[in-house]
Amino acid sequence: MIEEFLQQGLGSLLTQGTGWILFVLSLIVIWWMDRRQTECQKARDEETKEAEKAVLEQYEKRLAEFAEILNALNRNTTAINGFETTVGARTEAINQLVVGFASLVRDINNNRERWHERGAALMKGIEDVQRRLEALQSHARAG
């Protein structure tokens, strides 16, 4: 449709004398508008590239921040794991101390019972000796 319009317009311009002047002026206006549109297109392309570059810089910046956050979380996890290991070792040491203390208390109780039994046996022996001495003294007085 545009081609037909241009063909008819050129045909009528050629038949008229001043048509050539209008034709040349139209070509100049079309060339000027095309140049202007090309400049606008280039400016838009440059602005698009700058915007994309800014977005990419922000993306890289956020990636770096997230990497730092992940590194901090990893360090915290490592510290917590170390803390857990330390607490586990301390718990095991405390458990061993409790077992050792319980064994010590048991040994002390066993020794106290043995000393009590030995003391009772010694007291019984002393009482026997006392009775014999009393029996001997009463025989010595009677005889």
N, C-alpha and C. Protein backbone atom coordinates (compact mmCIF):
# COMPACT_ATOMS: atom_id res chain seq x y z
N MET A 1 0.82 -1.18 0.00
CA MET A 1 0.00 0.00 0.00
C MET A 1 0.88 1.26 0.00
N ILE A 2 1.92 1.26 0.79
CA ILE A 2 2.83 2.41 0.82
C ILE A 2 3.57 2.52 -0.50
N GLU A 3 3.93 1.35 -1.04
CA GLU A 3 4.64 1.38 -2.32
C GLU A 3 3.76 1.98 -3.43
N GLU A 4 2.50 1.61 -3.44
CA GLU A 4 1.58 2.16 -4.44
C GLU A 4 1.44 3.66 -4.27
N PHE A 5 1.34 4.08 -3.03
CA PHE A 5 1.21 5.52 -2.76
C PHE A 5 2.45 6.26 -3.24
N LEU A 6 3.65 5.69 -2.96
CA LEU A 6 4.88 6.33 -3.41
C LEU A 6 4.96 6.35 -4.95
N GLN A 7 4.54 5.29 -5.58
CA GLN A 7 4.59 5.25 -7.05
C GLN A 7 3.64 6.29 -7.65
N GLN A 8 2.47 6.40 -7.12
CA GLN A 8 1.52 7.39 -7.63
C GLN A 8 2.01 8.80 -7.35
N GLY A 9 2.59 9.01 -6.17
CA GLY A 9 3.10 10.32 -5.82
C GLY A 9 4.26 10.70 -6.72
N LEU A 10 5.18 9.78 -6.99
CA LEU A 10 6.30 10.07 -7.88
C LEU A 10 5.82 10.34 -9.31
N GLY A 11 4.84 9.57 -9.72
CA GLY A 11 4.31 9.77 -11.07
C GLY A 11 3.69 11.14 -11.24
N SER A 12 2.91 11.59 -10.26
CA SER A 12 2.30 12.91 -10.39
C SER A 12 3.32 14.02 -10.23
N LEU A 13 4.40 13.78 -9.41
CA LEU A 13 5.44 14.79 -9.27
C LEU A 13 6.23 14.95 -10.58
N LEU A 14 6.44 13.84 -11.25
CA LEU A 14 7.19 13.90 -12.50
C LEU A 14 6.41 14.63 -13.59
N THR A 15 5.12 14.53 -13.55
CA THR A 15 4.30 15.21 -14.56
C THR A 15 4.21 16.70 -14.31
N GLN A 16 4.44 17.14 -13.13
CA GLN A 16 4.43 18.56 -12.79
C GLN A 16 5.85 19.08 -12.76
N GLY A 17 6.04 20.32 -12.96
CA GLY A 17 7.37 20.92 -13.02
C GLY A 17 7.98 21.11 -11.65
N THR A 18 7.20 21.53 -10.71
CA THR A 18 7.73 21.76 -9.36
C THR A 18 7.75 20.48 -8.55
N GLY A 19 7.30 19.45 -9.12
CA GLY A 19 7.26 18.16 -8.43
C GLY A 19 8.64 17.69 -8.04
N TRP A 20 9.61 17.98 -8.89
CA TRP A 20 10.98 17.55 -8.58
C TRP A 20 11.51 18.25 -7.33
N ILE A 21 11.18 19.47 -7.19
CA ILE A 21 11.64 20.21 -6.00
C ILE A 21 11.00 19.62 -4.75
N LEU A 22 9.72 19.36 -4.84
CA LEU A 22 9.05 18.75 -3.69
C LEU A 22 9.60 17.35 -3.42
N PHE A 23 9.91 16.63 -4.47
CA PHE A 23 10.46 15.29 -4.31
C PHE A 23 11.81 15.35 -3.59
N VAL A 24 12.67 16.25 -4.03
CA VAL A 24 13.99 16.38 -3.42
C VAL A 24 13.83 16.82 -1.96
N LEU A 25 12.93 17.78 -1.73
CA LEU A 25 12.70 18.21 -0.35
C LEU A 25 12.17 17.06 0.52
N SER A 26 11.32 16.24 -0.03
CA SER A 26 10.80 15.08 0.71
C SER A 26 11.92 14.10 1.02
N LEU A 27 12.81 13.89 0.02
CA LEU A 27 13.92 12.99 0.27
C LEU A 27 14.82 13.53 1.39
N ILE A 28 15.04 14.83 1.41
CA ILE A 28 15.87 15.43 2.46
C ILE A 28 15.19 15.25 3.82
N VAL A 29 13.89 15.49 3.87
CA VAL A 29 13.17 15.33 5.13
C VAL A 29 13.20 13.88 5.58
N ILE A 30 13.01 12.94 4.65
CA ILE A 30 13.05 11.51 4.99
C ILE A 30 14.45 11.14 5.49
N TRP A 31 15.49 11.64 4.80
CA TRP A 31 16.87 11.34 5.22
C TRP A 31 17.12 11.91 6.61
N TRP A 32 16.66 13.16 6.84
CA TRP A 32 16.85 13.79 8.15
C TRP A 32 16.10 13.02 9.25
N MET A 33 14.87 12.60 8.99
CA MET A 33 14.09 11.84 9.97
C MET A 33 14.73 10.48 10.24
N ASP A 34 15.26 9.84 9.19
CA ASP A 34 15.93 8.55 9.36
C ASP A 34 17.18 8.73 10.24
N ARG A 35 17.96 9.77 9.95
CA ARG A 35 19.16 10.03 10.75
C ARG A 35 18.78 10.29 12.21
N ARG A 36 17.75 11.07 12.40
CA ARG A 36 17.27 11.38 13.76
C ARG A 36 16.81 10.11 14.48
N GLN A 37 16.09 9.26 13.76
CA GLN A 37 15.61 8.01 14.35
C GLN A 37 16.79 7.10 14.67
N THR A 38 17.81 7.07 13.84
CA THR A 38 19.00 6.26 14.08
C THR A 38 19.74 6.77 15.33
N GLU A 39 19.86 8.10 15.44
CA GLU A 39 20.50 8.67 16.63
C GLU A 39 19.74 8.32 17.90
N CYS A 40 18.42 8.41 17.84
CA CYS A 40 17.59 8.06 19.00
C CYS A 40 17.75 6.58 19.34
N GLN A 41 17.83 5.75 18.30
CA GLN A 41 18.00 4.30 18.52
C GLN A 41 19.34 4.03 19.18
N LYS A 42 20.40 4.70 18.73
CA LYS A 42 21.73 4.51 19.32
C LYS A 42 21.74 4.98 20.78
N ALA A 43 21.11 6.13 21.03
CA ALA A 43 21.04 6.64 22.40
C ALA A 43 20.28 5.66 23.30
N ARG A 44 19.19 5.12 22.80
CA ARG A 44 18.43 4.14 23.58
C ARG A 44 19.24 2.89 23.83
N ASP A 45 19.99 2.43 22.81
CA ASP A 45 20.84 1.25 22.98
C ASP A 45 21.91 1.49 24.04
N GLU A 46 22.52 2.67 24.02
CA GLU A 46 23.55 3.00 25.02
C GLU A 46 22.94 3.05 26.42
N GLU A 47 21.77 3.67 26.53
CA GLU A 47 21.11 3.74 27.83
C GLU A 47 20.75 2.34 28.32
N THR A 48 20.32 1.48 27.41
CA THR A 48 19.99 0.10 27.77
C THR A 48 21.24 -0.63 28.26
N LYS A 49 22.37 -0.43 27.55
CA LYS A 49 23.61 -1.07 27.97
C LYS A 49 24.05 -0.58 29.34
N GLU A 50 23.93 0.74 29.57
CA GLU A 50 24.29 1.29 30.88
C GLU A 50 23.39 0.74 31.98
N ALA A 51 22.10 0.63 31.69
CA ALA A 51 21.16 0.08 32.69
C ALA A 51 21.48 -1.38 32.98
N GLU A 52 21.78 -2.14 31.91
CA GLU A 52 22.14 -3.55 32.10
C GLU A 52 23.44 -3.67 32.89
N LYS A 53 24.39 -2.77 32.61
CA LYS A 53 25.65 -2.79 33.35
C LYS A 53 25.41 -2.49 34.82
N ALA A 54 24.55 -1.50 35.10
CA ALA A 54 24.24 -1.16 36.50
C ALA A 54 23.56 -2.33 37.20
N VAL A 55 22.64 -2.98 36.50
CA VAL A 55 21.96 -4.14 37.08
C VAL A 55 22.97 -5.26 37.34
N LEU A 56 23.88 -5.50 36.42
CA LEU A 56 24.90 -6.53 36.58
C LEU A 56 25.82 -6.20 37.76
N GLU A 57 26.19 -4.93 37.90
CA GLU A 57 27.03 -4.52 39.04
C GLU A 57 26.30 -4.77 40.35
N GLN A 58 25.02 -4.44 40.41
CA GLN A 58 24.23 -4.69 41.62
C GLN A 58 24.13 -6.19 41.90
N TYR A 59 23.95 -6.96 40.83
CA TYR A 59 23.87 -8.41 40.97
C TYR A 59 25.18 -8.96 41.53
N GLU A 60 26.31 -8.51 40.97
CA GLU A 60 27.62 -8.95 41.46
C GLU A 60 27.83 -8.53 42.91
N LYS A 61 27.40 -7.32 43.23
CA LYS A 61 27.53 -6.83 44.61
C LYS A 61 26.72 -7.70 45.57
N ARG A 62 25.51 -8.03 45.19
CA ARG A 62 24.66 -8.89 46.04
C ARG A 62 25.25 -10.28 46.15
N LEU A 63 25.80 -10.80 45.07
CA LEU A 63 26.45 -12.12 45.13
C LEU A 63 27.62 -12.10 46.11
N ALA A 64 28.41 -11.03 46.07
CA ALA A 64 29.54 -10.91 47.00
C ALA A 64 29.04 -10.83 48.44
N GLU A 65 27.97 -10.08 48.67
CA GLU A 65 27.40 -9.98 50.02
C GLU A 65 26.89 -11.33 50.50
N PHE A 66 26.19 -12.05 49.60
CA PHE A 66 25.69 -13.37 49.97
C PHE A 66 26.84 -14.33 50.24
N ALA A 67 27.92 -14.21 49.48
CA ALA A 67 29.09 -15.07 49.72
C ALA A 67 29.68 -14.78 51.10
N GLU A 68 29.75 -13.50 51.47
CA GLU A 68 30.25 -13.15 52.80
C GLU A 68 29.33 -13.70 53.89
N ILE A 69 28.03 -13.59 53.67
CA ILE A 69 27.07 -14.12 54.65
C ILE A 69 27.24 -15.63 54.79
N LEU A 70 27.37 -16.32 53.66
CA LEU A 70 27.55 -17.78 53.70
C LEU A 70 28.85 -18.15 54.40
N ASN A 71 29.91 -17.39 54.14
CA ASN A 71 31.18 -17.66 54.82
C ASN A 71 31.03 -17.46 56.32
N ALA A 72 30.33 -16.41 56.72
CA ALA A 72 30.11 -16.17 58.15
C ALA A 72 29.29 -17.30 58.76
N LEU A 73 28.27 -17.75 58.05
CA LEU A 73 27.46 -18.86 58.55
C LEU A 73 28.29 -20.14 58.66
N ASN A 74 29.17 -20.37 57.68
CA ASN A 74 30.04 -21.55 57.74
C ASN A 74 30.99 -21.46 58.93
N ARG A 75 31.55 -20.26 59.16
CA ARG A 75 32.43 -20.10 60.32
C ARG A 75 31.66 -20.32 61.61
N ASN A 76 30.43 -19.80 61.68
CA ASN A 76 29.62 -20.01 62.88
C ASN A 76 29.30 -21.49 63.07
N THR A 77 29.01 -22.18 61.97
CA THR A 77 28.72 -23.61 62.06
C THR A 77 29.95 -24.36 62.56
N THR A 78 31.12 -23.99 62.04
CA THR A 78 32.36 -24.63 62.49
C THR A 78 32.59 -24.36 63.97
N ALA A 79 32.35 -23.12 64.39
CA ALA A 79 32.53 -22.78 65.81
C ALA A 79 31.54 -23.55 66.68
N ILE A 80 30.31 -23.66 66.23
CA ILE A 80 29.30 -24.40 67.00
C ILE A 80 29.67 -25.88 67.06
N ASN A 81 30.16 -26.43 65.95
CA ASN A 81 30.60 -27.83 65.96
C ASN A 81 31.76 -28.02 66.93
N GLY A 82 32.70 -27.09 66.93
CA GLY A 82 33.81 -27.16 67.89
C GLY A 82 33.31 -27.06 69.31
N PHE A 83 32.37 -26.16 69.54
CA PHE A 83 31.78 -26.02 70.87
C PHE A 83 31.09 -27.31 71.28
N GLU A 84 30.37 -27.91 70.33
CA GLU A 84 29.67 -29.16 70.62
C GLU A 84 30.67 -30.26 70.98
N THR A 85 31.79 -30.32 70.26
CA THR A 85 32.83 -31.31 70.55
C THR A 85 33.41 -31.07 71.94
N THR A 86 33.67 -29.80 72.25
CA THR A 86 34.22 -29.45 73.56
C THR A 86 33.24 -29.82 74.66
N VAL A 87 31.97 -29.48 74.46
CA VAL A 87 30.96 -29.81 75.46
C VAL A 87 30.84 -31.32 75.61
N GLY A 88 30.90 -32.05 74.50
CA GLY A 88 30.85 -33.52 74.56
C GLY A 88 32.02 -34.08 75.34
N ALA A 89 33.23 -33.54 75.08
CA ALA A 89 34.41 -34.01 75.80
C ALA A 89 34.29 -33.69 77.29
N ARG A 90 33.83 -32.49 77.60
CA ARG A 90 33.66 -32.11 79.01
C ARG A 90 32.60 -32.97 79.68
N THR A 91 31.53 -33.24 78.96
CA THR A 91 30.47 -34.10 79.51
C THR A 91 31.02 -35.49 79.79
N GLU A 92 31.80 -36.01 78.86
CA GLU A 92 32.40 -37.34 79.05
C GLU A 92 33.35 -37.33 80.25
N ALA A 93 34.14 -36.26 80.38
CA ALA A 93 35.05 -36.15 81.53
C ALA A 93 34.27 -36.07 82.83
N ILE A 94 33.19 -35.30 82.83
CA ILE A 94 32.36 -35.20 84.04
C ILE A 94 31.74 -36.55 84.36
N ASN A 95 31.27 -37.26 83.34
CA ASN A 95 30.69 -38.59 83.57
C ASN A 95 31.74 -39.53 84.16
N GLN A 96 32.95 -39.47 83.64
CA GLN A 96 34.02 -40.31 84.18
C GLN A 96 34.34 -39.92 85.62
N LEU A 97 34.33 -38.61 85.92
CA LEU A 97 34.55 -38.17 87.30
C LEU A 97 33.44 -38.67 88.21
N VAL A 98 32.21 -38.63 87.74
CA VAL A 98 31.08 -39.11 88.54
C VAL A 98 31.24 -40.61 88.81
N VAL A 99 31.62 -41.36 87.76
CA VAL A 99 31.83 -42.81 87.94
C VAL A 99 32.97 -43.04 88.93
N GLY A 100 34.06 -42.29 88.76
CA GLY A 100 35.19 -42.43 89.69
C GLY A 100 34.81 -42.05 91.11
N PHE A 101 34.06 -40.99 91.26
CA PHE A 101 33.63 -40.56 92.59
C PHE A 101 32.70 -41.60 93.21
N ALA A 102 31.78 -42.14 92.40
CA ALA A 102 30.88 -43.18 92.91
C ALA A 102 31.68 -44.40 93.34
N SER A 103 32.69 -44.76 92.57
CA SER A 103 33.56 -45.88 92.94
C SER A 103 34.31 -45.57 94.23
N LEU A 104 34.80 -44.34 94.36
CA LEU A 104 35.51 -43.93 95.57
C LEU A 104 34.58 -43.98 96.78
N VAL A 105 33.36 -43.49 96.64
CA VAL A 105 32.39 -43.54 97.74
C VAL A 105 32.08 -44.99 98.11
N ARG A 106 31.92 -45.84 97.10
CA ARG A 106 31.66 -47.26 97.34
C ARG A 106 32.84 -47.90 98.09
N ASP A 107 34.08 -47.58 97.64
CA ASP A 107 35.26 -48.12 98.32
C ASP A 107 35.35 -47.62 99.76
N ILE A 108 35.05 -46.33 99.97
CA ILE A 108 35.07 -45.78 101.33
C ILE A 108 34.04 -46.48 102.20
N ASN A 109 32.85 -46.69 101.66
CA ASN A 109 31.81 -47.40 102.43
C ASN A 109 32.24 -48.82 102.73
N ASN A 110 32.82 -49.51 101.73
CA ASN A 110 33.29 -50.89 101.96
C ASN A 110 34.39 -50.91 103.02
N ASN A 111 35.34 -49.96 102.92
CA ASN A 111 36.41 -49.90 103.92
C ASN A 111 35.86 -49.58 105.30
N ARG A 112 34.90 -48.68 105.38
CA ARG A 112 34.30 -48.34 106.67
C ARG A 112 33.60 -49.56 107.27
N GLU A 113 32.90 -50.33 106.42
CA GLU A 113 32.25 -51.55 106.92
C GLU A 113 33.30 -52.56 107.40
N ARG A 114 34.39 -52.70 106.62
CA ARG A 114 35.45 -53.63 107.05
C ARG A 114 36.07 -53.17 108.37
N TRP A 115 36.35 -51.86 108.48
CA TRP A 115 36.92 -51.35 109.73
C TRP A 115 35.92 -51.52 110.88
N HIS A 116 34.66 -51.33 110.59
CA HIS A 116 33.64 -51.53 111.60
C HIS A 116 33.63 -53.00 112.03
N GLU A 117 33.69 -53.91 111.03
CA GLU A 117 33.72 -55.34 111.35
C GLU A 117 35.00 -55.68 112.12
N ARG A 118 36.13 -55.13 111.69
CA ARG A 118 37.39 -55.38 112.41
C ARG A 118 37.32 -54.81 113.83
N GLY A 119 36.76 -53.61 113.95
CA GLY A 119 36.60 -53.01 115.28
C GLY A 119 35.72 -53.86 116.16
N ALA A 120 34.62 -54.39 115.60
CA ALA A 120 33.71 -55.24 116.37
C ALA A 120 34.43 -56.51 116.79
N ALA A 121 35.23 -57.08 115.84
CA ALA A 121 35.97 -58.31 116.17
C ALA A 121 37.01 -58.01 117.25
N LEU A 122 37.70 -56.86 117.16
CA LEU A 122 38.68 -56.50 118.19
C LEU A 122 37.99 -56.27 119.53
N MET A 123 36.84 -55.61 119.51
CA MET A 123 36.10 -55.39 120.75
C MET A 123 35.68 -56.72 121.37
N LYS A 124 35.26 -57.66 120.52
CA LYS A 124 34.86 -58.98 121.01
C LYS A 124 36.08 -59.67 121.62
N GLY A 125 37.22 -59.58 120.91
CA GLY A 125 38.46 -60.19 121.44
C GLY A 125 38.86 -59.55 122.76
N ILE A 126 38.76 -58.21 122.84
CA ILE A 126 39.11 -57.51 124.09
C ILE A 126 38.15 -57.93 125.20
N GLU A 127 36.87 -58.04 124.88
CA GLU A 127 35.90 -58.47 125.88
C GLU A 127 36.22 -59.89 126.35
N ASP A 128 36.62 -60.76 125.41
CA ASP A 128 37.02 -62.14 125.80
C ASP A 128 38.23 -62.10 126.72
N VAL A 129 39.20 -61.26 126.36
CA VAL A 129 40.41 -61.15 127.18
C VAL A 129 40.03 -60.62 128.58
N GLN A 130 39.13 -59.62 128.60
CA GLN A 130 38.71 -59.06 129.88
C GLN A 130 38.00 -60.13 130.73
N ARG A 131 37.15 -60.90 130.11
CA ARG A 131 36.45 -61.95 130.84
C ARG A 131 37.43 -62.99 131.37
N ARG A 132 38.41 -63.33 130.57
CA ARG A 132 39.40 -64.31 131.02
C ARG A 132 40.23 -63.74 132.17
N LEU A 133 40.60 -62.45 132.01
CA LEU A 133 41.35 -61.84 133.10
C LEU A 133 40.51 -61.81 134.39
N GLU A 134 39.25 -61.47 134.24
CA GLU A 134 38.38 -61.44 135.40
C GLU A 134 38.22 -62.85 135.99
N ALA A 135 38.11 -63.82 135.07
CA ALA A 135 37.99 -65.21 135.53
C ALA A 135 39.26 -65.65 136.24
N LEU A 136 40.42 -65.26 135.70
CA LEU A 136 41.69 -65.61 136.32
C LEU A 136 41.83 -64.88 137.67
N GLN A 137 41.42 -63.63 137.70
CA GLN A 137 41.52 -62.88 138.95
C GLN A 137 40.58 -63.48 139.99
N SER A 138 39.42 -63.87 139.59
CA SER A 138 38.50 -64.48 140.56
C SER A 138 39.02 -65.85 140.98
N HIS A 139 39.71 -66.62 140.16
CA HIS A 139 40.31 -67.90 140.54
C HIS A 139 41.50 -67.65 141.45
N ALA A 140 42.23 -66.61 141.13
CA ALA A 140 43.41 -66.31 141.96
C ALA A 140 42.94 -65.85 143.35
N ARG A 141 41.90 -65.17 143.52
CA ARG A 141 41.38 -64.74 144.81
C ARG A 141 40.76 -65.93 145.52
N ALA A 142 40.15 -66.76 144.84
CA ALA A 142 39.48 -67.91 145.47
C ALA A 142 40.50 -68.99 145.81
N GLY A 143 41.53 -69.03 145.28
CA GLY A 143 42.42 -70.12 145.48
C GLY A 143 43.65 -69.89 146.13
